[in-house]
Amino acid sequence: MPLDRKEDEALRRFLEARKRELMAELHDDIERSREDNLANQSAPAGDAGDESVAELLAHLDQFDASRDVGELRAIDAALRRIDEGAYGRCEECGSDIGYERLKASPTAIRCIVCQRQYEKTHASPSTPTL
């Protein structure tokens, strides 16, 4: 069953609020990164352990920012689908994506059946890479 107007608007409001949160987080992360870079430039050189911890933290910050940017892109795509009237339809089979699924994952592009199939088909190997 397609989304009704009330459900559509509730999901739009949620997506827009989450987008604002992510934008604020990214802005704060950029400011903190700039401040950290300035502090690191004026700080005395540390030992190899200090450098490795600093490098690890920098990588974690980059991962967080990358994840947030990916979520922002998914949100923008969902908002476009709402505007185009295609939101809530599975991109694989064209059937409706249930409201409960969209509440849990508002950027979902597949119904649960197609998503399960997608995950089986595109699953990464569980074998060690070492």
C-alpha atoms as a PDB file:
ATOM      1  CA  MET A   1       0.000   0.000   0.000  1.00  0.00           C
ATOM      2  CA  PRO A   2       1.482   3.381  -0.964  1.00  0.00           C
ATOM      3  CA  LEU A   3       2.275   5.971   1.673  1.00  0.00           C
ATOM      4  CA  ASP A   4      -0.477   8.358   2.586  1.00  0.00           C
ATOM      5  CA  ARG A   5       0.146  12.102   2.793  1.00  0.00           C
ATOM      6  CA  LYS A   6       0.579  12.057   6.587  1.00  0.00           C
ATOM      7  CA  GLU A   7       3.189   9.273   6.452  1.00  0.00           C
ATOM      8  CA  ASP A   8       4.980  10.959   3.556  1.00  0.00           C
ATOM      9  CA  GLU A   9       5.199  14.264   5.429  1.00  0.00           C
ATOM     10  CA  ALA A  10       6.335  12.611   8.662  1.00  0.00           C
ATOM     11  CA  LEU A  11       9.164  10.880   6.834  1.00  0.00           C
ATOM     12  CA  ARG A  12      10.088  14.089   4.996  1.00  0.00           C
ATOM     13  CA  ARG A  13      10.308  15.979   8.306  1.00  0.00           C
ATOM     14  CA  PHE A  14      12.467  13.228   9.776  1.00  0.00           C
ATOM     15  CA  LEU A  15      14.804  13.242   6.765  1.00  0.00           C
ATOM     16  CA  GLU A  16      15.115  17.035   6.796  1.00  0.00           C
ATOM     17  CA  ALA A  17      15.836  17.066  10.547  1.00  0.00           C
ATOM     18  CA  ARG A  18      18.473  14.352  10.179  1.00  0.00           C
ATOM     19  CA  LYS A  19      20.045  16.294   7.305  1.00  0.00           C
ATOM     20  CA  ARG A  20      20.325  19.388   9.521  1.00  0.00           C
ATOM     21  CA  GLU A  21      21.922  17.282  12.285  1.00  0.00           C
ATOM     22  CA  LEU A  22      24.474  15.806   9.913  1.00  0.00           C
ATOM     23  CA  MET A  23      25.325  19.194   8.429  1.00  0.00           C
ATOM     24  CA  ALA A  24      25.912  20.575  11.936  1.00  0.00           C
ATOM     25  CA  GLU A  25      28.071  17.561  12.850  1.00  0.00           C
ATOM     26  CA  LEU A  26      30.161  17.948   9.710  1.00  0.00           C
ATOM     27  CA  HIS A  27      30.569  21.660  10.333  1.00  0.00           C
ATOM     28  CA  ASP A  28      31.698  20.977  13.913  1.00  0.00           C
ATOM     29  CA  ASP A  29      34.069  18.238  12.725  1.00  0.00           C
ATOM     30  CA  ILE A  30      35.673  20.592  10.200  1.00  0.00           C
ATOM     31  CA  GLU A  31      36.126  23.295  12.816  1.00  0.00           C
ATOM     32  CA  ARG A  32      37.590  20.805  15.312  1.00  0.00           C
ATOM     33  CA  SER A  33      39.932  19.449  12.646  1.00  0.00           C
ATOM     34  CA  ARG A  34      41.176  22.946  11.845  1.00  0.00           C
ATOM     35  CA  GLU A  35      41.766  23.664  15.527  1.00  0.00           C
ATOM     36  CA  ASP A  36      43.550  20.323  16.002  1.00  0.00           C
ATOM     37  CA  ASN A  37      45.787  21.003  13.002  1.00  0.00           C
ATOM     38  CA  LEU A  38      46.752  24.397  14.386  1.00  0.00           C
ATOM     39  CA  ALA A  39      47.424  22.910  17.825  1.00  0.00           C
ATOM     40  CA  ASN A  40      49.508  20.090  16.336  1.00  0.00           C
ATOM     41  CA  GLN A  41      51.603  22.523  14.321  1.00  0.00           C
ATOM     42  CA  SER A  42      52.534  24.508  17.423  1.00  0.00           C
ATOM     43  CA  ALA A  43      52.949  21.509  19.770  1.00  0.00           C
ATOM     44  CA  PRO A  44      56.352  19.974  20.438  1.00  0.00           C
ATOM     45  CA  ALA A  45      57.096  16.812  18.498  1.00  0.00           C
ATOM     46  CA  GLY A  46      55.977  13.678  20.309  1.00  0.00           C
ATOM     47  CA  ASP A  47      57.314  10.167  20.215  1.00  0.00           C
ATOM     48  CA  ALA A  48      56.293   7.463  17.736  1.00  0.00           C
ATOM     49  CA  GLY A  49      53.468   6.294  20.031  1.00  0.00           C
ATOM     50  CA  ASP A  50      51.972   9.781  20.177  1.00  0.00           C
ATOM     51  CA  GLU A  51      52.191  10.058  16.407  1.00  0.00           C
ATOM     52  CA  SER A  52      50.495   6.697  15.841  1.00  0.00           C
ATOM     53  CA  VAL A  53      47.635   7.617  18.211  1.00  0.00           C
ATOM     54  CA  ALA A  54      47.217  10.960  16.468  1.00  0.00           C
ATOM     55  CA  GLU A  55      47.196   9.216  13.084  1.00  0.00           C
ATOM     56  CA  LEU A  56      44.613   6.679  14.278  1.00  0.00           C
ATOM     57  CA  LEU A  57      42.356   9.467  15.559  1.00  0.00           C
ATOM     58  CA  ALA A  58      42.693  11.311  12.266  1.00  0.00           C
ATOM     59  CA  HIS A  59      41.683   8.168  10.352  1.00  0.00           C
ATOM     60  CA  LEU A  60      38.682   7.658  12.633  1.00  0.00           C
ATOM     61  CA  ASP A  61      37.623  11.260  12.064  1.00  0.00           C
ATOM     62  CA  GLN A  62      37.910  10.762   8.301  1.00  0.00           C
ATOM     63  CA  PHE A  63      35.837   7.586   8.504  1.00  0.00           C
ATOM     64  CA  ASP A  64      33.138   9.377  10.522  1.00  0.00           C
ATOM     65  CA  ALA A  65      33.024  12.244   8.040  1.00  0.00           C
ATOM     66  CA  SER A  66      32.880   9.845   5.094  1.00  0.00           C
ATOM     67  CA  ARG A  67      30.010   7.931   6.702  1.00  0.00           C
ATOM     68  CA  ASP A  68      28.146  11.180   7.385  1.00  0.00           C
ATOM     69  CA  VAL A  69      28.617  12.365   3.801  1.00  0.00           C
ATOM     70  CA  GLY A  70      27.300   9.021   2.533  1.00  0.00           C
ATOM     71  CA  GLU A  71      24.234   9.354   4.740  1.00  0.00           C
ATOM     72  CA  LEU A  72      23.692  12.923   3.519  1.00  0.00           C
ATOM     73  CA  ARG A  73      23.757  11.709  -0.076  1.00  0.00           C
ATOM     74  CA  ALA A  74      21.211   8.994   0.733  1.00  0.00           C
ATOM     75  CA  ILE A  75      18.986  11.565   2.452  1.00  0.00           C
ATOM     76  CA  ASP A  76      19.196  13.940  -0.505  1.00  0.00           C
ATOM     77  CA  ALA A  77      18.268  11.088  -2.844  1.00  0.00           C
ATOM     78  CA  ALA A  78      15.295  10.163  -0.633  1.00  0.00           C
ATOM     79  CA  LEU A  79      14.109  13.779  -0.574  1.00  0.00           C
ATOM     80  CA  ARG A  80      14.359  13.896  -4.381  1.00  0.00           C
ATOM     81  CA  ARG A  81      12.285  10.722  -4.605  1.00  0.00           C
ATOM     82  CA  ILE A  82       9.663  12.339  -2.352  1.00  0.00           C
ATOM     83  CA  ASP A  83       9.580  15.407  -4.614  1.00  0.00           C
ATOM     84  CA  GLU A  84       9.295  13.213  -7.716  1.00  0.00           C
ATOM     85  CA  GLY A  85       6.584  11.002  -6.200  1.00  0.00           C
ATOM     86  CA  ALA A  86       8.784   7.904  -6.349  1.00  0.00           C
ATOM     87  CA  TYR A  87       9.515   7.630  -2.629  1.00  0.00           C
ATOM     88  CA  GLY A  88       8.428   4.376  -1.035  1.00  0.00           C
ATOM     89  CA  ARG A  89       8.689   2.301  -4.215  1.00  0.00           C
ATOM     90  CA  CYS A  90      11.262  -0.435  -4.545  1.00  0.00           C
ATOM     91  CA  GLU A  91      13.862   0.357  -7.201  1.00  0.00           C
ATOM     92  CA  GLU A  92      14.221  -3.353  -7.980  1.00  0.00           C
ATOM     93  CA  CYS A  93      10.672  -4.692  -8.314  1.00  0.00           C
ATOM     94  CA  GLY A  94       8.543  -1.523  -8.173  1.00  0.00           C
ATOM     95  CA  SER A  95       6.415  -2.695  -5.259  1.00  0.00           C
ATOM     96  CA  ASP A  96       5.665  -0.486  -2.274  1.00  0.00           C
ATOM     97  CA  ILE A  97       8.164  -0.302   0.564  1.00  0.00           C
ATOM     98  CA  GLY A  98       6.230  -0.608   3.809  1.00  0.00           C
ATOM     99  CA  TYR A  99       5.860   2.392   6.086  1.00  0.00           C
ATOM    100  CA  GLU A 100       7.360   0.487   9.032  1.00  0.00           C
ATOM    101  CA  ARG A 101      10.476  -0.260   6.970  1.00  0.00           C
ATOM    102  CA  LEU A 102      10.758   3.374   5.912  1.00  0.00           C
ATOM    103  CA  LYS A 103      10.364   4.505   9.523  1.00  0.00           C
ATOM    104  CA  ALA A 104      13.253   2.227  10.462  1.00  0.00           C
ATOM    105  CA  SER A 105      15.331   3.090   7.397  1.00  0.00           C
ATOM    106  CA  PRO A 106      13.961   6.245   5.715  1.00  0.00           C
ATOM    107  CA  THR A 107      16.547   6.148   2.932  1.00  0.00           C
ATOM    108  CA  ALA A 108      15.666   2.573   1.913  1.00  0.00           C
ATOM    109  CA  ILE A 109      15.490   2.058  -1.840  1.00  0.00           C
ATOM    110  CA  ARG A 110      14.391  -1.576  -1.828  1.00  0.00           C
ATOM    111  CA  CYS A 111      11.536  -3.524  -0.279  1.00  0.00           C
ATOM    112  CA  ILE A 112      12.588  -6.029   2.360  1.00  0.00           C
ATOM    113  CA  VAL A 113      12.422  -8.991  -0.048  1.00  0.00           C
ATOM    114  CA  CYS A 114      14.648  -7.304  -2.640  1.00  0.00           C
ATOM    115  CA  GLN A 115      16.993  -5.988   0.066  1.00  0.00           C
ATOM    116  CA  ARG A 116      17.529  -9.503   1.420  1.00  0.00           C
ATOM    117  CA  GLN A 117      18.264 -10.761  -2.081  1.00  0.00           C
ATOM    118  CA  TYR A 118      20.622  -7.843  -2.700  1.00  0.00           C
ATOM    119  CA  GLU A 119      22.526  -8.581   0.508  1.00  0.00           C
ATOM    120  CA  LYS A 120      22.852 -12.271  -0.396  1.00  0.00           C
ATOM    121  CA  THR A 121      24.056 -11.431  -3.887  1.00  0.00           C
ATOM    122  CA  HIS A 122      26.452  -8.669  -2.870  1.00  0.00           C
ATOM    123  CA  ALA A 123      27.688 -10.066   0.433  1.00  0.00           C
ATOM    124  CA  SER A 124      31.395  -9.785   1.004  1.00  0.00           C
ATOM    125  CA  PRO A 125      33.309 -13.008   1.543  1.00  0.00           C
ATOM    126  CA  SER A 126      33.679 -14.009   5.168  1.00  0.00           C
ATOM    127  CA  THR A 127      37.144 -15.436   4.651  1.00  0.00           C
ATOM    128  CA  PRO A 128      40.107 -13.737   6.312  1.00  0.00           C
ATOM    129  CA  THR A 129      42.153 -11.447   4.106  1.00  0.00           C
ATOM    130  CA  LEU A 130      45.502 -12.026   5.831  1.00  0.00           C
END
